């Protein structure tokens, strides 16, 4: 792939999203994308095969939720190929990220990314959310294309602090999933995400315990 094309796409996309990242961070993002592209051929980490779409659908899409990451330690569940966890960790070096996935191939890839990119703020856990026992609950848990909201709160609710929130990334607004949320959970807010170069709708839903159930 033409590295300079990716570089141009990333620089333009960040400018349009009004995100300011250093040259070093941009190079780290591109190095991550090259790793993802290379490993994807053997490991099937992501459905995006067209290299011209990778900056938009993987890097910029992940970074689109940056304004809502407010915690100093975020859990990314169903981390898969490291989206959105790795791009967010590169953009927020002072924030700690824990990436959780039950697929051994994917966590091997994530560990390789941490090693090659020198990401000292990232921990990788191979396991299921239901079996995870953190020393303290997380204020924010992100999820991208992992599972329906109903499952997300059932499986990962115990990992979320009482006042915490899920950052659930979705395509079209998932009316059915919102309607199926169990009692005691609510969508606090939803945000339409603008991702340069990406087709289709993108939404971020902030899901938290309902006020009366806290």
Protein backbone atom coordinates (compact mmCIF):
# COMPACT_ATOMS: atom_id res chain seq x y z
CA UNK A 1 0.00 0.00 0.00
CA UNK A 2 1.13 3.52 -0.76
CA UNK A 3 2.14 4.77 2.69
CA UNK A 4 1.92 8.39 1.57
CA UNK A 5 -1.73 7.88 0.56
CA UNK A 6 -2.58 6.63 4.06
CA UNK A 7 -0.58 9.50 5.51
CA UNK A 8 -2.50 12.05 3.47
CA UNK A 9 -5.86 10.47 4.30
CA UNK A 10 -5.03 10.48 8.00
CA UNK A 11 -3.81 14.08 8.04
CA UNK A 12 -6.86 15.31 6.12
CA UNK A 13 -9.24 13.28 8.26
CA UNK A 14 -7.79 14.53 11.55
CA UNK A 15 -8.01 18.11 10.30
CA UNK A 16 -11.67 17.67 9.33
CA UNK A 17 -12.40 16.13 12.74
CA UNK A 18 -10.47 18.96 14.44
CA UNK A 19 -8.22 16.47 16.23
CA UNK A 20 -4.67 17.53 16.92
CA UNK A 21 -2.17 14.65 17.08
CA UNK A 22 1.60 14.93 16.95
CA UNK A 23 3.61 13.68 13.99
CA UNK A 24 4.83 10.84 16.21
CA UNK A 25 1.27 9.81 17.08
CA UNK A 26 0.29 9.88 13.41
CA UNK A 27 3.24 7.64 12.56
CA UNK A 28 2.20 5.24 15.35
CA UNK A 29 -1.33 5.10 13.96
CA UNK A 30 0.00 4.31 10.48
CA UNK A 31 2.33 1.64 11.91
CA UNK A 32 -0.66 0.09 13.69
CA UNK A 33 -2.63 0.10 10.44
CA UNK A 34 0.24 -1.61 8.61
CA UNK A 35 0.33 -4.31 11.33
CA UNK A 36 -3.43 -4.76 11.16
CA UNK A 37 -3.31 -5.06 7.37
CA UNK A 38 -0.46 -7.59 7.51
CA UNK A 39 -1.93 -9.81 10.24
CA UNK A 40 -5.44 -9.57 8.81
CA UNK A 41 -4.44 -11.74 5.87
CA UNK A 42 -3.83 -14.70 8.21
CA UNK A 43 -5.92 -13.88 11.27
CA UNK A 44 -9.13 -12.37 9.86
CA UNK A 45 -9.11 -9.50 12.35
CA UNK A 46 -11.38 -7.15 10.44
CA UNK A 47 -13.80 -7.29 7.51
CA UNK A 48 -12.25 -4.24 5.85
CA UNK A 49 -10.05 -5.52 3.02
CA UNK A 50 -9.85 -2.46 0.78
CA UNK A 51 -6.68 -0.61 1.76
CA UNK A 52 -8.14 2.68 0.50
CA UNK A 53 -10.85 2.47 3.17
CA UNK A 54 -8.69 1.46 6.11
CA UNK A 55 -7.75 4.91 7.41
CA UNK A 56 -11.37 6.01 7.44
CA UNK A 57 -13.07 2.86 8.66
CA UNK A 58 -10.48 1.85 11.22
CA UNK A 59 -8.43 4.79 12.43
CA UNK A 60 -10.80 7.75 12.01
CA UNK A 61 -13.84 5.72 13.03
CA UNK A 62 -12.09 4.71 16.28
CA UNK A 63 -10.92 8.27 16.97
CA UNK A 64 -14.41 9.69 16.41
CA UNK A 65 -15.35 8.86 20.04
CA UNK A 66 -12.28 10.62 21.47
CA UNK A 67 -14.25 13.62 22.85
CA UNK A 68 -16.30 11.27 25.07
CA UNK A 69 -13.38 9.41 26.64
CA UNK A 70 -13.10 11.11 30.03
CA UNK A 71 -11.79 8.36 32.33
CA UNK A 72 -8.17 7.67 33.23
CA UNK A 73 -8.64 3.91 32.70
CA UNK A 74 -10.92 2.58 29.96
CA UNK A 75 -11.90 -1.02 29.27
CA UNK A 76 -12.45 -1.96 25.61
CA UNK A 77 -14.50 -5.17 25.40
CA UNK A 78 -14.49 -7.43 22.35
CA UNK A 79 -11.34 -5.54 21.41
CA UNK A 80 -10.80 -7.74 18.32
CA UNK A 81 -8.25 -6.12 16.05
CA UNK A 82 -7.72 -3.30 18.55
CA UNK A 83 -10.52 -1.00 17.42
CA UNK A 84 -11.16 1.48 18.95
CA UNK A 85 -8.73 0.67 21.80
CA UNK A 86 -5.35 0.96 20.08
CA UNK A 87 -6.00 4.21 18.14
CA UNK A 88 -7.47 5.75 21.32
CA UNK A 89 -4.45 4.60 23.36
CA UNK A 90 -2.10 6.21 20.82
CA UNK A 91 -4.10 9.46 20.94
CA UNK A 92 -4.31 9.46 24.77
CA UNK A 93 -0.92 8.31 26.08
CA UNK A 94 -1.74 9.46 29.64
CA UNK A 95 -4.87 7.27 29.78
CA UNK A 96 -4.66 3.57 30.61
CA UNK A 97 -6.46 1.09 28.35
CA UNK A 98 -7.36 -2.52 29.06
CA UNK A 99 -8.25 -4.53 25.94
CA UNK A 100 -10.33 -7.65 26.52
CA UNK A 101 -11.07 -10.37 23.97
CA UNK A 102 -11.87 -14.07 24.23
CA UNK A 103 -10.20 -14.94 20.90
CA UNK A 104 -6.58 -16.06 21.38
CA UNK A 105 -5.49 -15.09 17.86
CA UNK A 106 -6.78 -11.57 18.38
CA UNK A 107 -5.13 -11.11 21.76
CA UNK A 108 -1.84 -12.40 20.29
CA UNK A 109 -2.12 -9.70 17.65
CA UNK A 110 -2.93 -7.07 20.29
CA UNK A 111 0.09 -8.09 22.37
CA UNK A 112 2.26 -7.80 19.26
CA UNK A 113 0.90 -4.26 18.66
CA UNK A 114 1.70 -3.26 22.24
CA UNK A 115 5.23 -4.61 21.81
CA UNK A 116 5.99 -3.18 18.36
CA UNK A 117 4.36 0.20 18.96
CA UNK A 118 5.75 0.58 22.49
CA UNK A 119 2.33 1.20 24.04
CA UNK A 120 3.07 1.35 27.75
CA UNK A 121 -0.51 2.41 28.55
CA UNK A 122 -2.16 -0.76 27.19
CA UNK A 123 -2.89 -4.08 28.92
CA UNK A 124 -4.31 -7.04 26.99
CA UNK A 125 -6.50 -9.68 28.65
CA UNK A 126 -7.40 -12.94 26.92
CA UNK A 127 -10.73 -14.03 28.34
CA UNK A 128 -14.48 -13.57 28.50
CA UNK A 129 -16.07 -10.49 30.03
CA UNK A 130 -18.08 -12.68 32.42
CA UNK A 131 -14.84 -14.15 33.84
CA UNK A 132 -12.99 -10.85 34.17
CA UNK A 133 -12.33 -9.75 37.76
CA UNK A 134 -10.74 -6.30 37.81
CA UNK A 135 -9.36 -4.90 41.06
CA UNK A 136 -11.88 -2.08 40.72
CA UNK A 137 -14.77 -1.41 38.31
CA UNK A 138 -14.31 0.79 35.24
CA UNK A 139 -15.84 4.26 34.85
CA UNK A 140 -16.09 3.73 31.07
CA UNK A 141 -16.30 0.63 28.91
CA UNK A 142 -16.13 0.92 25.12
CA UNK A 143 -17.55 -1.53 22.62
CA UNK A 144 -17.43 -1.46 18.84
CA UNK A 145 -19.43 -4.00 16.81
CA UNK A 146 -19.16 -6.42 19.74
CA UNK A 147 -22.71 -7.42 20.64
CA UNK A 148 -26.26 -6.11 21.15
CA UNK A 149 -26.76 -3.60 23.97
CA UNK A 150 -28.82 -6.12 25.92
CA UNK A 151 -25.87 -8.54 25.99
CA UNK A 152 -23.38 -5.77 26.63
CA UNK A 153 -25.04 -4.69 29.89
CA UNK A 154 -25.68 -8.31 30.95
CA UNK A 155 -22.11 -9.51 30.33
CA UNK A 156 -20.19 -6.37 31.24
CA UNK A 157 -22.48 -4.61 33.72
CA UNK A 158 -20.61 -6.14 36.69
CA UNK A 159 -17.38 -4.56 35.37
CA UNK A 160 -18.89 -1.05 35.24
CA UNK A 161 -18.73 1.37 38.17
CA UNK A 162 -22.10 2.36 39.68
CA UNK A 163 -21.98 5.78 38.03
CA UNK A 164 -20.11 4.46 34.98
CA UNK A 165 -21.15 4.41 31.34
CA UNK A 166 -20.79 2.24 28.26
CA UNK A 167 -19.50 3.91 25.08
CA UNK A 168 -21.34 1.73 22.56
CA UNK A 169 -20.37 2.34 18.93
CA UNK A 170 -23.07 1.46 16.40
CA UNK A 171 -23.85 2.00 12.74
CA UNK A 172 -27.46 3.03 12.24
CA UNK A 173 -29.31 4.03 15.40
CA UNK A 174 -30.27 0.65 16.93
CA UNK A 175 -33.92 1.28 17.92
CA UNK A 176 -34.58 -2.43 18.51
CA UNK A 177 -31.56 -2.80 20.79
CA UNK A 178 -32.51 0.28 22.81
CA UNK A 179 -36.05 -1.05 23.22
CA UNK A 180 -34.64 -4.40 24.42
CA UNK A 181 -32.45 -2.87 27.16
CA UNK A 182 -33.34 -4.52 30.49
CA UNK A 183 -34.93 -2.56 33.33
CA UNK A 184 -32.43 -0.47 35.23
CA UNK A 185 -30.48 0.61 32.13
CA UNK A 186 -30.97 3.61 29.89
CA UNK A 187 -29.40 5.46 26.97
CA UNK A 188 -28.13 8.66 28.61
CA UNK A 189 -27.38 10.28 25.27
CA UNK A 190 -26.67 9.42 21.67
CA UNK A 191 -24.40 11.18 19.24
CA UNK A 192 -24.19 11.03 15.47
CA UNK A 193 -20.54 10.58 14.53
CA UNK A 194 -18.96 12.26 11.53
CA UNK A 195 -16.23 10.05 10.09
CA UNK A 196 -14.50 11.53 7.02
CA UNK A 197 -14.56 9.12 4.09
CA UNK A 198 -16.96 6.62 5.69
CA UNK A 199 -20.26 5.70 4.10
CA UNK A 200 -23.37 5.10 6.17
CA UNK A 201 -24.41 6.30 9.59
CA UNK A 202 -22.32 6.01 12.74
CA UNK A 203 -23.63 6.52 16.26
CA UNK A 204 -22.24 6.54 19.77
CA UNK A 205 -24.65 5.60 22.55
CA UNK A 206 -23.80 6.37 26.17
CA UNK A 207 -25.54 3.68 28.21
CA UNK A 208 -25.74 3.84 32.00
CA UNK A 209 -27.76 2.56 34.92
CA UNK A 210 -31.08 4.36 35.27
CA UNK A 211 -31.07 7.01 37.98
CA UNK A 212 -33.47 5.18 40.30
CA UNK A 213 -31.47 1.95 40.15
CA UNK A 214 -28.10 3.42 41.20
